């Protein structure tokens, strides 16, 4: 994929006129009525933005090409509308789908001339608003003004996401591809969860009353089996005993289901999809990602949920909603019963050994189950007080939080994918049972802002307190150190060095920067010994100095060094040596390993690379590592030899290039 991207960059750089022509045609087609529904113009605009970030396209020329295409496309649509008038309704696809045209007409009737400006940024009606403007007899002059002004703003608005994405790819290649991929996965899955929840709500909500009526009629026809149904759907029927019985039956059903799956498949570890998701999650680890995912995981932390449940319960009792408070406790308390009971019965081990959790078992996941129960029932309670147009909002927010917790559990390998899905299903089933009974039996006032405010405050306080007191412990708990491997000093020098990694472990293994340094001494000692030879501690990129990257006039020596990640860890030592004569600088990096020299001194691996400054889109300066950096033996051999003559030898090996032969010479 990378090779294909490089080929595209080379072609665009060699044929910028053709590339801008393609961009012009894409913007034109995307703006045309009917054609714009089919042509993926937005995707082409995003791709053009990525090419701009890579330096293959000029921003000004691309902006002009996209703007002209959008102006002409909307102009042609406007002219078609003025020509055909009401005969537009007979065209495909409006003849078969008149609602799309009707939606655009309502939009135009509401906003008038401004609809041409607003409509350009609204996806579903973008391609039909100019057509409707012509059909409705809008004047040519006001349309032209609105068309030109909106196109000038539209082009950079659609190019900018691609520019940001392209710049992130460049940054990812320099720092950590896995962090960018994780961010894309999170955004995509959270968006999918929110979209699916809203669509499901829109699909089910119109039929809820009808289904309850059918349930009551069925209960009348089946007196014995209908007791459960009537307890849920009949407001006049007491339901406490029935709900308790349903909880027991639900636990038993989950146990039988889990037992059957475990026996049939000999455990979840045999599922290919489980192993694939586990491997993907573990391969995406990096220090920034660990911090982010620990935060998402904390949304389902038992102590955070306990604070939320307790505060909301006290608020409901204070407001004298005793029945509602009891339902709230029933929702949250189910996790206290189901998680240990089913865990003890099924005893499905966690994917990653060594994680310290409340229970040893993967199913049901106490945090995923607890989050589903607490946030799910809270959404039901809040939604009741909202107008129908906004009733989907709390369900979407709950789905986003539960999905975030689930993704964090998968990232850390705390549960199998099948167990996460099962925990969510178990929680949703109980929330659905309680929610139906609550909606039918409990009278709750419409003053939902108080409940939302109290719940938000409780969640914020619990989350913040847990972060301030346990963040470091949580990071250590979910990133257990691997078992150390001891190696004798003589064995290490005589060939044991081959056991250590020779390439950076990342999702894109370019094999460009081999790990050709192995060092078994204190990092500070190496820095001190190299300081007289021009090496100095490099300033790493942080949130505080990141603003320097927005100063393209700064020399390379003043730009911070972007940290590199190897096997999920940042460097333990980063040294730099400036070469102002050729606009380059040398960077020496060392990463930790699990190997210990004589069982005590840690062995670090590293390399020496060269960097140059690269300016993206005229305002972002990045220190980029050269692909053709010389091996460390060419960079450090003479300097290490000089150190050996002036002081004690260092416990360091400089390895030969991958294509060479021979053994490394200790320096």
Foldseek 3Di string as FASTA:
>chain_A
DVVVVVVVLVVLLVCVVVLLQVLLQLLLQCQAAPSVVPRPSLVSLLQVLLSQQVVSYAPVSNLVSNLNSQLNNLVVLLVQLLVCQPCVCVDPPNVVVVVLVVVLVVLCVVPPLCCQLVLCPDPSNNNCNSSVCNNVPPDPVSNSVSSNVSSSVVSCVSSVNSNVVNNVVQVCVQAAVLVVVVVVVLVVVLVVLLVVLVVVCVVPVVCVVVVLVVLVVVCVVPVPVSPLSCLLRPQVDPNPVSLVVVLVVLLVVLLVVLVVVCVVQVAPVNDPVLVVLLVSLLQSFAVVVLLVLLLLLLLLPPQLLVLLLVLLLVVCVVVVQPVLSVLSCVLQCSLVVNQVVSCVSNVRAFQDPQFDDPDRHQAQDSSLLNLLSNLVLLLLVLLVLDDPVCSSPSVSVSSSSSVSSLSSCSSLRRHTPVNSVSSNVSSVVSSVSSSSNCVSHGDDDNPNVVSVVSSVVSSVVSSVVCCVPCVVVSSCSSDPDDAADEDELVRCQVPPVVVDAQFFSGPDGPVLFTQQKKFQDDQVVVQVLCVVVQKDFFAEDDPVQQVVQQPLVDQPNPHGRYWHDGSRYTFPGWIKGDDVVVSKIKIKTWHWDRYHHNPHGTMITIWIWMWHWDDGSNGGIDTHTDSNGDGVCVVCVVVQVVSVVVDPHGQMWGADPPPDDDGTDGD
